């Protein structure tokens, strides 16, 4: 049975501050739901208000930042995975650890966030200086106690495209984890090629990729280029990153810097081995 519960209160909920919730450990977590109101007379925040007020969201497990992204980026990823098929519900922003779009219940629950062997679990939200009368509450969907096994991380990296044309991104970390997807937060990429140990594993322009991902109800986001290795909704299709060389060759149409969000399937025991 899954439990739907209110979590402890956030500290320092104020404009320009970092609101912090120290989440209880022991149980497993399938998802967080961030309840947010703001305004002169606080009302349920719209999608736009979440985007402007949540400058950055961080989820830390034993001090390790597992998720790092802005409010707008989290909304965009939720949209990409079809979470808002029935429309955005004002006042609530979800963080999904179990992934309901996976093909089997076992695969969905595999990536729950187990905390039985965790010392601290912390959710931090940087509130913009322009936030008006912010009110934050965290709710969680919990499951049975479980250790921290396979779990999804959203790691953020920055890349500066100094000029147009083919730019190689070769500095992304490799290691004992698998890449579910890479989301480049820019609308200035025409096509992409991905090489893993000098073998091409992805080669497509935006139109090709969008048409392929559409088959499993992915919704391409404006201002992004998505590279989705698990577009079949099978975890087994994630790209192992225990590689000697990994690089993304992006055909950039306008110079500038942009973030890259890497959705990685990690396991603390494998990484420590």
Protein backbone atom coordinates (compact mmCIF):
# COMPACT_ATOMS: atom_id res chain seq x y z
CA UNK A 1 0.00 0.00 0.00
CA UNK A 2 1.26 3.49 -0.85
CA UNK A 3 0.93 6.24 1.75
CA UNK A 4 0.13 9.86 0.82
CA UNK A 5 1.47 12.07 3.61
CA UNK A 6 2.41 15.59 4.53
CA UNK A 7 6.13 16.05 5.24
CA UNK A 8 7.78 18.32 7.85
CA UNK A 9 7.63 22.06 7.28
CA UNK A 10 10.10 23.96 5.13
CA UNK A 11 12.48 26.35 6.84
CA UNK A 12 13.26 29.87 5.54
CA UNK A 13 10.29 30.24 3.19
CA UNK A 14 10.88 33.83 2.06
CA UNK A 15 11.71 35.73 -1.13
CA UNK A 16 15.37 35.40 -2.10
CA UNK A 17 15.95 32.59 0.40
CA UNK A 18 16.56 28.84 0.16
CA UNK A 19 13.60 26.93 1.60
CA UNK A 20 14.75 23.62 3.11
CA UNK A 21 12.73 20.55 4.04
CA UNK A 22 14.47 17.77 5.97
CA UNK A 23 12.53 14.74 4.79
CA UNK A 24 12.24 11.73 7.12
CA UNK A 25 14.32 8.71 6.07
CA UNK A 26 13.52 5.02 6.37
CA UNK A 27 10.59 4.63 3.99
CA UNK A 28 10.87 4.54 0.21
CA UNK A 29 9.57 7.46 -1.84
CA UNK A 30 7.66 7.14 -5.09
CA UNK A 31 7.10 10.86 -5.58
CA UNK A 32 7.09 14.32 -4.02
CA UNK A 33 4.30 16.83 -4.54
CA UNK A 34 5.29 20.42 -3.81
CA UNK A 35 2.29 22.51 -2.76
CA UNK A 36 2.84 26.20 -3.45
CA UNK A 37 0.80 29.37 -3.03
CA UNK A 38 1.92 32.93 -3.65
CA UNK A 39 0.62 36.44 -4.29
CA UNK A 40 -0.71 39.44 -2.38
CA UNK A 41 -3.49 37.15 -1.19
CA UNK A 42 -1.75 33.78 -1.60
CA UNK A 43 -3.46 31.57 -4.17
CA UNK A 44 -2.48 28.36 -5.96
CA UNK A 45 0.56 29.05 -8.11
CA UNK A 46 0.14 28.76 -11.87
CA UNK A 47 2.66 27.06 -14.13
CA UNK A 48 4.15 30.49 -14.91
CA UNK A 49 4.53 31.38 -11.21
CA UNK A 50 6.30 28.08 -10.46
CA UNK A 51 8.64 28.88 -13.34
CA UNK A 52 9.54 32.36 -12.13
CA UNK A 53 9.56 31.73 -8.37
CA UNK A 54 11.51 28.42 -8.26
CA UNK A 55 15.00 29.55 -9.28
CA UNK A 56 16.45 26.13 -8.52
CA UNK A 57 15.32 22.84 -6.97
CA UNK A 58 17.82 20.46 -5.40
CA UNK A 59 17.31 17.01 -3.93
CA UNK A 60 20.17 15.83 -1.73
CA UNK A 61 20.78 12.31 -0.45
CA UNK A 62 23.47 12.22 2.23
CA UNK A 63 24.70 15.55 0.90
CA UNK A 64 24.95 14.38 -2.72
CA UNK A 65 22.86 16.54 -5.08
CA UNK A 66 20.79 13.96 -6.97
CA UNK A 67 18.44 16.41 -8.70
CA UNK A 68 19.35 19.94 -9.77
CA UNK A 69 17.07 21.93 -12.07
CA UNK A 70 14.90 25.03 -12.22
CA UNK A 71 11.16 25.14 -11.83
CA UNK A 72 10.79 25.69 -15.57
CA UNK A 73 13.05 22.73 -16.35
CA UNK A 74 11.14 20.39 -14.04
CA UNK A 75 7.85 21.44 -15.65
CA UNK A 76 9.33 20.88 -19.12
CA UNK A 77 10.52 17.35 -18.22
CA UNK A 78 7.13 16.52 -16.71
CA UNK A 79 5.48 17.73 -19.91
CA UNK A 80 7.90 15.73 -22.04
CA UNK A 81 6.91 12.54 -20.22
CA UNK A 82 3.20 13.29 -20.58
CA UNK A 83 2.48 14.05 -16.94
CA UNK A 84 0.14 16.92 -17.80
CA UNK A 85 -2.01 15.21 -20.41
CA UNK A 86 -5.09 16.52 -18.58
CA UNK A 87 -3.55 19.94 -18.00
CA UNK A 88 -1.37 21.54 -15.34
CA UNK A 89 -2.99 21.55 -11.89
CA UNK A 90 -2.36 24.92 -10.25
CA UNK A 91 -0.62 24.85 -6.88
CA UNK A 92 1.17 21.51 -7.29
CA UNK A 93 4.53 20.54 -8.81
CA UNK A 94 5.51 16.88 -8.82
CA UNK A 95 8.86 15.12 -8.66
CA UNK A 96 8.47 11.50 -9.76
CA UNK A 97 10.98 8.90 -8.57
CA UNK A 98 8.97 5.85 -9.63
CA UNK A 99 8.25 6.36 -13.33
CA UNK A 100 4.66 5.41 -14.27
CA UNK A 101 5.41 5.39 -18.00
CA UNK A 102 7.59 2.28 -17.72
CA UNK A 103 6.06 -0.81 -19.28
CA UNK A 104 5.74 -2.94 -16.14
CA UNK A 105 4.87 -2.26 -12.51
CA UNK A 106 8.18 -3.81 -11.48
CA UNK A 107 10.13 -1.43 -13.73
CA UNK A 108 8.07 1.53 -12.49
CA UNK A 109 8.84 0.80 -8.85
CA UNK A 110 12.50 -0.12 -9.45
CA UNK A 111 13.53 3.53 -9.36
CA UNK A 112 11.70 4.45 -6.15
CA UNK A 113 13.92 6.39 -3.78
CA UNK A 114 14.78 4.01 -0.95
CA UNK A 115 16.07 5.63 2.25
CA UNK A 116 16.44 2.74 4.74
CA UNK A 117 20.24 3.07 4.56
CA UNK A 118 20.29 6.86 4.13
CA UNK A 119 21.25 9.35 6.83
CA UNK A 120 19.73 12.53 5.35
CA UNK A 121 17.22 13.40 2.63
CA UNK A 122 16.80 17.10 1.91
CA UNK A 123 14.75 19.10 -0.57
CA UNK A 124 16.00 22.63 -1.19
CA UNK A 125 14.15 25.26 -3.22
CA UNK A 126 15.75 28.60 -4.06
CA UNK A 127 12.93 31.14 -4.12
CA UNK A 128 13.32 34.14 -6.42
CA UNK A 129 13.65 37.58 -4.87
CA UNK A 130 10.42 38.55 -6.62
CA UNK A 131 8.33 35.81 -5.02
CA UNK A 132 5.34 37.33 -3.18
CA UNK A 133 4.18 35.82 0.14
CA UNK A 134 5.41 32.30 -0.71
CA UNK A 135 3.78 29.38 1.09
CA UNK A 136 5.38 25.94 0.67
CA UNK A 137 4.30 22.50 1.81
CA UNK A 138 5.72 19.13 0.80
CA UNK A 139 3.68 15.95 0.42
CA UNK A 140 5.09 12.55 -0.44
CA UNK A 141 3.86 9.22 -1.73
CA UNK A 142 5.68 6.60 0.34
CA UNK A 143 6.17 2.86 0.08
CA UNK A 144 7.64 0.13 2.23
CA UNK A 145 11.12 0.68 3.73
CA UNK A 146 13.85 -0.12 1.24
CA UNK A 147 17.56 0.65 0.82
CA UNK A 148 18.83 3.11 -1.76
CA UNK A 149 19.10 0.88 -4.83
CA UNK A 150 18.70 1.92 -8.44
CA UNK A 151 17.42 5.48 -8.61
CA UNK A 152 17.09 8.27 -11.17
CA UNK A 153 19.27 11.35 -10.84
CA UNK A 154 18.96 14.57 -12.83
CA UNK A 155 22.46 16.01 -13.04
CA UNK A 156 23.03 19.43 -14.62
CA UNK A 157 26.07 20.40 -16.67
CA UNK A 158 26.86 23.56 -18.62
CA UNK A 159 28.22 23.76 -22.16
CA UNK A 160 29.40 26.82 -24.04
CA UNK A 161 29.10 26.65 -27.83
CA UNK A 162 31.65 29.24 -28.87
CA UNK A 163 30.62 29.14 -32.53
CA UNK A 164 28.05 27.67 -34.88
CA UNK A 165 28.50 24.30 -36.57
CA UNK A 166 29.39 20.89 -35.16
CA UNK A 167 30.42 21.23 -31.52
CA UNK A 168 31.71 18.21 -29.62
CA UNK A 169 30.61 17.77 -26.00
CA UNK A 170 33.11 15.29 -24.60
CA UNK A 171 33.46 16.35 -20.95
CA UNK A 172 30.30 14.69 -19.60
CA UNK A 173 31.19 12.27 -16.80
CA UNK A 174 31.41 8.54 -17.51
CA UNK A 175 31.12 5.83 -14.89
CA UNK A 176 29.14 2.86 -13.52
CA UNK A 177 25.69 4.20 -14.34
CA UNK A 178 23.35 4.33 -17.32
CA UNK A 179 22.04 7.30 -19.29
CA UNK A 180 18.27 7.35 -19.67
CA UNK A 181 18.12 10.67 -21.50
CA UNK A 182 19.99 13.90 -22.15
CA UNK A 183 18.00 17.12 -22.46
CA UNK A 184 19.88 20.07 -23.98
CA UNK A 185 18.09 23.26 -22.94
CA UNK A 186 18.40 25.22 -26.17
CA UNK A 187 16.41 25.64 -29.35
CA UNK A 188 19.60 26.22 -31.35
CA UNK A 189 20.50 22.65 -32.27
CA UNK A 190 19.55 21.25 -35.67
CA UNK A 191 20.75 17.66 -35.31
CA UNK A 192 22.82 15.47 -33.03
CA UNK A 193 25.13 12.48 -33.22
CA UNK A 194 26.14 10.51 -30.12
CA UNK A 195 29.24 8.29 -30.00
CA UNK A 196 29.98 5.69 -27.32
CA UNK A 197 33.51 4.29 -27.59
CA UNK A 198 33.61 5.54 -31.20
CA UNK A 199 30.39 3.74 -32.11
CA UNK A 200 27.44 5.84 -33.26
CA UNK A 201 24.45 5.10 -31.00
CA UNK A 202 22.20 8.03 -31.95
CA UNK A 203 21.99 10.08 -35.13
CA UNK A 204 18.96 12.25 -35.88
CA UNK A 205 17.67 15.73 -36.47
CA UNK A 206 14.84 17.24 -34.44
CA UNK A 207 12.09 16.06 -36.78
CA UNK A 208 13.30 12.45 -36.79
CA UNK A 209 13.75 12.30 -33.03
CA UNK A 210 10.40 13.92 -32.32
CA UNK A 211 8.56 11.53 -34.64
CA UNK A 212 10.23 8.50 -32.99
CA UNK A 213 9.63 9.60 -29.40
CA UNK A 214 6.02 10.48 -30.20
CA UNK A 215 5.21 6.77 -30.45
CA UNK A 216 5.52 6.44 -26.68
CA UNK A 217 3.68 9.71 -25.98
CA UNK A 218 6.76 11.87 -25.44
CA UNK A 219 5.96 15.53 -26.04
CA UNK A 220 8.90 17.46 -27.51
CA UNK A 221 9.45 20.74 -25.69
CA UNK A 222 10.11 24.07 -27.38
CA UNK A 223 13.61 25.29 -26.56
CA UNK A 224 14.99 21.78 -26.00
CA UNK A 225 16.74 19.00 -27.90
CA UNK A 226 15.95 15.62 -26.35
CA UNK A 227 18.15 12.53 -26.68
CA UNK A 228 16.09 9.72 -25.17
CA UNK A 229 17.67 6.28 -24.91
CA UNK A 230 14.69 4.90 -22.97
CA UNK A 231 12.02 6.16 -25.37
CA UNK A 232 10.73 2.57 -25.60
CA UNK A 233 9.87 2.81 -21.87
CA UNK A 234 12.28 -0.05 -21.22
CA UNK A 235 14.96 0.56 -18.60
CA UNK A 236 17.12 -2.03 -20.37
CA UNK A 237 17.54 0.40 -23.29
CA UNK A 238 19.41 2.97 -21.17
CA UNK A 239 22.96 3.57 -22.41
CA UNK A 240 25.66 2.17 -20.08
CA UNK A 241 28.29 4.83 -19.43
CA UNK A 242 31.12 2.56 -18.29
CA UNK A 243 32.95 3.77 -21.39
CA UNK A 244 36.41 4.95 -22.41
CA UNK A 245 34.94 7.72 -24.55
CA UNK A 246 31.52 9.37 -24.77
CA UNK A 247 30.71 12.43 -26.84
CA UNK A 248 27.75 14.32 -28.22
CA UNK A 249 28.25 16.07 -31.57
CA UNK A 250 25.68 18.83 -31.77
CA UNK A 251 25.06 20.89 -34.90
CA UNK A 252 24.65 24.31 -33.26
CA UNK A 253 22.87 27.06 -35.19
CA UNK A 254 23.66 29.94 -32.80
CA UNK A 255 26.58 30.43 -30.42
CA UNK A 256 25.97 30.58 -26.69
CA UNK A 257 25.96 28.59 -23.47
CA UNK A 258 23.21 26.23 -22.37
CA UNK A 259 22.59 23.63 -19.64
CA UNK A 260 22.39 19.89 -20.27
CA UNK A 261 20.17 17.81 -18.00
CA UNK A 262 21.33 14.20 -17.74
CA UNK A 263 18.83 11.65 -16.45
CA UNK A 264 21.02 8.89 -15.09
CA UNK A 265 20.17 5.56 -13.51
CA UNK A 266 22.54 5.32 -10.56
CA UNK A 267 23.23 2.88 -7.75
CA UNK A 268 25.38 3.96 -4.82
CA UNK A 269 26.82 0.48 -4.26
CA UNK A 270 27.96 0.15 -7.87
CA UNK A 271 29.52 3.61 -7.83
CA UNK A 272 31.40 2.86 -4.60
CA UNK A 273 32.72 -0.48 -5.84
